[in-house]
Amino acid sequence: MGNPTFEIRGKFYKGHCFPGLNEYIKEIGKNPKAGNRMKQEYQMIACNAIRIGLKRFKTDKPIILHYVFKEPKKGNKRDRMNVFSFADKVIEDALQRTGVIPNDDPEHIANTTHEFEYTSGVPSIKVEIEIVNS
């Protein structure tokens, strides 16, 4: 059996799956509550994908999150670390919120990896969870 995996698919932000860190910072600059609303909105999208993809999977062991971002082939190419940074924060919080992990601290999230691909199809973020056996 492979590692637990879930995928967030859709154009939730201006033709992309999720906004980037710059867009989030811009919202916070307008009003801290606007930034929080944005984070909560995308956290809920992530929670829904986690519940569908992981069912009742839970672990208290350290994990490595392997991300594959599929960004739109057309249009501007966004800064990869901006895309990754916001998505990683939201997804780690969503994993904790759904009870998949007890905490998103370094004891439970040992590491992350990220890859980027460009697609003519639907943008997505695929997340594979590797359990670290110590």
C-alpha atoms as a PDB file:
ATOM      1  CA  MET A   1       0.000   0.000   0.000  1.00  0.00           C
ATOM      2  CA  GLY A   2       1.315   3.454  -0.901  1.00  0.00           C
ATOM      3  CA  ASN A   3       1.669   6.510   1.248  1.00  0.00           C
ATOM      4  CA  PRO A   4      -1.511   8.396   2.184  1.00  0.00           C
ATOM      5  CA  THR A   5      -2.245  11.057  -0.441  1.00  0.00           C
ATOM      6  CA  PHE A   6      -4.802  13.775  -1.039  1.00  0.00           C
ATOM      7  CA  GLU A   7      -5.277  16.349  -3.757  1.00  0.00           C
ATOM      8  CA  ILE A   8      -6.746  19.835  -3.840  1.00  0.00           C
ATOM      9  CA  ARG A   9      -8.088  20.470  -7.354  1.00  0.00           C
ATOM     10  CA  GLY A  10      -9.677  23.610  -8.705  1.00  0.00           C
ATOM     11  CA  LYS A  11      -9.308  27.233  -9.713  1.00  0.00           C
ATOM     12  CA  PHE A  12     -10.020  28.804  -6.343  1.00  0.00           C
ATOM     13  CA  TYR A  13      -7.882  31.916  -6.842  1.00  0.00           C
ATOM     14  CA  LYS A  14      -7.665  33.796 -10.143  1.00  0.00           C
ATOM     15  CA  GLY A  15      -7.142  30.687 -12.270  1.00  0.00           C
ATOM     16  CA  HIS A  16      -4.776  29.111  -9.726  1.00  0.00           C
ATOM     17  CA  CYS A  17      -5.432  26.576  -7.002  1.00  0.00           C
ATOM     18  CA  PHE A  18      -4.333  28.771  -4.056  1.00  0.00           C
ATOM     19  CA  PRO A  19      -3.044  32.340  -3.722  1.00  0.00           C
ATOM     20  CA  GLY A  20       0.623  32.931  -3.001  1.00  0.00           C
ATOM     21  CA  LEU A  21       2.282  34.448   0.039  1.00  0.00           C
ATOM     22  CA  ASN A  22       2.375  37.910  -1.588  1.00  0.00           C
ATOM     23  CA  GLU A  23      -1.416  37.917  -2.017  1.00  0.00           C
ATOM     24  CA  TYR A  24      -1.863  36.831   1.599  1.00  0.00           C
ATOM     25  CA  ILE A  25       0.467  39.593   2.855  1.00  0.00           C
ATOM     26  CA  LYS A  26      -1.460  42.097   0.740  1.00  0.00           C
ATOM     27  CA  GLU A  27      -4.713  41.020   2.431  1.00  0.00           C
ATOM     28  CA  ILE A  28      -3.134  41.357   5.885  1.00  0.00           C
ATOM     29  CA  GLY A  29      -1.945  44.839   4.878  1.00  0.00           C
ATOM     30  CA  LYS A  30      -5.513  45.848   4.042  1.00  0.00           C
ATOM     31  CA  ASN A  31      -6.816  44.548   7.342  1.00  0.00           C
ATOM     32  CA  PRO A  32      -5.610  41.713   9.608  1.00  0.00           C
ATOM     33  CA  LYS A  33      -9.134  40.286   9.642  1.00  0.00           C
ATOM     34  CA  ALA A  34      -9.117  40.128   5.825  1.00  0.00           C
ATOM     35  CA  GLY A  35      -5.888  38.119   5.955  1.00  0.00           C
ATOM     36  CA  ASN A  36      -7.378  35.759   8.521  1.00  0.00           C
ATOM     37  CA  ARG A  37     -10.517  35.341   6.392  1.00  0.00           C
ATOM     38  CA  MET A  38      -8.356  34.413   3.403  1.00  0.00           C
ATOM     39  CA  LYS A  39      -6.355  31.873   5.437  1.00  0.00           C
ATOM     40  CA  GLN A  40      -9.531  30.350   6.908  1.00  0.00           C
ATOM     41  CA  GLU A  41     -11.161  30.095   3.469  1.00  0.00           C
ATOM     42  CA  TYR A  42      -8.265  28.145   1.978  1.00  0.00           C
ATOM     43  CA  GLN A  43      -7.826  26.095   5.133  1.00  0.00           C
ATOM     44  CA  MET A  44     -11.449  24.946   4.744  1.00  0.00           C
ATOM     45  CA  ILE A  45     -10.781  23.956   1.107  1.00  0.00           C
ATOM     46  CA  ALA A  46      -7.749  21.966   2.302  1.00  0.00           C
ATOM     47  CA  CYS A  47      -9.745  20.360   5.144  1.00  0.00           C
ATOM     48  CA  ASN A  48     -12.382  19.171   2.674  1.00  0.00           C
ATOM     49  CA  ALA A  49      -9.735  17.628   0.394  1.00  0.00           C
ATOM     50  CA  ILE A  50      -8.068  15.956   3.397  1.00  0.00           C
ATOM     51  CA  ARG A  51     -11.344  14.454   4.629  1.00  0.00           C
ATOM     52  CA  ILE A  52     -12.125  13.096   1.155  1.00  0.00           C
ATOM     53  CA  GLY A  53      -8.623  11.845   0.337  1.00  0.00           C
ATOM     54  CA  LEU A  54      -7.407  10.553   3.694  1.00  0.00           C
ATOM     55  CA  LYS A  55     -10.712   9.332   5.134  1.00  0.00           C
ATOM     56  CA  ARG A  56      -9.920   8.540   8.781  1.00  0.00           C
ATOM     57  CA  PHE A  57      -6.114   8.391   8.515  1.00  0.00           C
ATOM     58  CA  LYS A  58      -4.300   9.702  11.604  1.00  0.00           C
ATOM     59  CA  THR A  59      -0.722   9.476  12.840  1.00  0.00           C
ATOM     60  CA  ASP A  60       1.290  10.699  15.796  1.00  0.00           C
ATOM     61  CA  LYS A  61       4.601   9.767  14.136  1.00  0.00           C
ATOM     62  CA  PRO A  62       6.795  12.343  12.382  1.00  0.00           C
ATOM     63  CA  ILE A  63       5.919  12.867   8.724  1.00  0.00           C
ATOM     64  CA  ILE A  64       7.400  14.331   5.570  1.00  0.00           C
ATOM     65  CA  LEU A  65       4.982  16.170   3.285  1.00  0.00           C
ATOM     66  CA  HIS A  66       5.723  15.774  -0.426  1.00  0.00           C
ATOM     67  CA  TYR A  67       3.968  18.457  -2.501  1.00  0.00           C
ATOM     68  CA  VAL A  68       3.399  18.488  -6.257  1.00  0.00           C
ATOM     69  CA  PHE A  69       1.997  21.806  -7.467  1.00  0.00           C
ATOM     70  CA  LYS A  70       0.333  21.820 -10.887  1.00  0.00           C
ATOM     71  CA  GLU A  71       0.185  25.437 -11.968  1.00  0.00           C
ATOM     72  CA  PRO A  72      -1.552  26.719 -15.121  1.00  0.00           C
ATOM     73  CA  LYS A  73       0.618  26.520 -18.236  1.00  0.00           C
ATOM     74  CA  LYS A  74      -0.994  29.699 -19.596  1.00  0.00           C
ATOM     75  CA  GLY A  75      -0.475  33.115 -18.052  1.00  0.00           C
ATOM     76  CA  ASN A  76       2.131  34.427 -15.676  1.00  0.00           C
ATOM     77  CA  LYS A  77       4.433  32.011 -13.879  1.00  0.00           C
ATOM     78  CA  ARG A  78       4.353  32.719 -10.163  1.00  0.00           C
ATOM     79  CA  ASP A  79       7.295  32.696  -7.766  1.00  0.00           C
ATOM     80  CA  ARG A  80       7.466  29.103  -6.546  1.00  0.00           C
ATOM     81  CA  MET A  81       8.369  29.881  -2.933  1.00  0.00           C
ATOM     82  CA  ASN A  82       5.452  32.317  -2.650  1.00  0.00           C
ATOM     83  CA  VAL A  83       3.083  29.628  -3.917  1.00  0.00           C
ATOM     84  CA  PHE A  84       4.599  26.951  -1.668  1.00  0.00           C
ATOM     85  CA  SER A  85       4.813  29.091   1.497  1.00  0.00           C
ATOM     86  CA  PHE A  86       1.139  30.001   1.733  1.00  0.00           C
ATOM     87  CA  ALA A  87      -0.088  26.545   0.690  1.00  0.00           C
ATOM     88  CA  ASP A  88       2.237  24.770   3.142  1.00  0.00           C
ATOM     89  CA  LYS A  89       1.080  26.901   6.077  1.00  0.00           C
ATOM     90  CA  VAL A  90      -2.590  26.407   5.245  1.00  0.00           C
ATOM     91  CA  ILE A  91      -2.263  22.666   4.590  1.00  0.00           C
ATOM     92  CA  GLU A  92      -0.233  21.970   7.755  1.00  0.00           C
ATOM     93  CA  ASP A  93      -2.863  23.830   9.804  1.00  0.00           C
ATOM     94  CA  ALA A  94      -5.611  21.851   8.028  1.00  0.00           C
ATOM     95  CA  LEU A  95      -3.882  18.536   8.794  1.00  0.00           C
ATOM     96  CA  GLN A  96      -3.856  19.494  12.465  1.00  0.00           C
ATOM     97  CA  ARG A  97      -7.428  20.800  12.387  1.00  0.00           C
ATOM     98  CA  THR A  98      -8.744  17.549  10.864  1.00  0.00           C
ATOM     99  CA  GLY A  99      -6.859  15.467  13.441  1.00  0.00           C
ATOM    100  CA  VAL A 100      -4.502  13.801  10.952  1.00  0.00           C
ATOM    101  CA  ILE A 101      -1.556  15.056  13.027  1.00  0.00           C
ATOM    102  CA  PRO A 102      -1.614  16.229  16.659  1.00  0.00           C
ATOM    103  CA  ASN A 103       0.517  19.320  15.976  1.00  0.00           C
ATOM    104  CA  ASP A 104       2.271  21.026  13.064  1.00  0.00           C
ATOM    105  CA  ASP A 105       5.491  21.586  15.014  1.00  0.00           C
ATOM    106  CA  PRO A 106       8.910  20.220  13.909  1.00  0.00           C
ATOM    107  CA  GLU A 107       8.431  17.131  16.085  1.00  0.00           C
ATOM    108  CA  HIS A 108       5.492  16.063  13.902  1.00  0.00           C
ATOM    109  CA  ILE A 109       6.393  17.612  10.519  1.00  0.00           C
ATOM    110  CA  ALA A 110       9.963  16.465   9.987  1.00  0.00           C
ATOM    111  CA  ASN A 111      10.373  17.956   6.515  1.00  0.00           C
ATOM    112  CA  THR A 112       8.708  18.963   3.258  1.00  0.00           C
ATOM    113  CA  THR A 113       9.567  18.622  -0.408  1.00  0.00           C
ATOM    114  CA  HIS A 114       7.980  20.432  -3.312  1.00  0.00           C
ATOM    115  CA  GLU A 115       7.887  20.035  -7.066  1.00  0.00           C
ATOM    116  CA  PHE A 116       6.223  22.192  -9.692  1.00  0.00           C
ATOM    117  CA  GLU A 117       4.639  21.164 -12.968  1.00  0.00           C
ATOM    118  CA  TYR A 118       2.646  23.145 -15.501  1.00  0.00           C
ATOM    119  CA  THR A 119      -0.669  21.877 -16.807  1.00  0.00           C
ATOM    120  CA  SER A 120      -3.254  22.757 -19.428  1.00  0.00           C
ATOM    121  CA  GLY A 121      -5.792  21.040 -17.175  1.00  0.00           C
ATOM    122  CA  VAL A 122      -7.118  21.884 -13.744  1.00  0.00           C
ATOM    123  CA  PRO A 123      -4.574  23.386 -11.293  1.00  0.00           C
ATOM    124  CA  SER A 124      -3.965  21.246  -8.229  1.00  0.00           C
ATOM    125  CA  ILE A 125      -1.837  20.575  -5.189  1.00  0.00           C
ATOM    126  CA  LYS A 126      -1.106  16.910  -4.513  1.00  0.00           C
ATOM    127  CA  VAL A 127       0.201  16.034  -1.061  1.00  0.00           C
ATOM    128  CA  GLU A 128       1.756  12.694  -0.173  1.00  0.00           C
ATOM    129  CA  ILE A 129       2.397  11.893   3.490  1.00  0.00           C
ATOM    130  CA  GLU A 130       5.487   9.828   4.240  1.00  0.00           C
ATOM    131  CA  ILE A 131       5.675   8.474   7.768  1.00  0.00           C
ATOM    132  CA  VAL A 132       9.186   8.657   9.210  1.00  0.00           C
ATOM    133  CA  ASN A 133      10.148   5.453  10.972  1.00  0.00           C
ATOM    134  CA  SER A 134      12.653   6.361  13.647  1.00  0.00           C
END
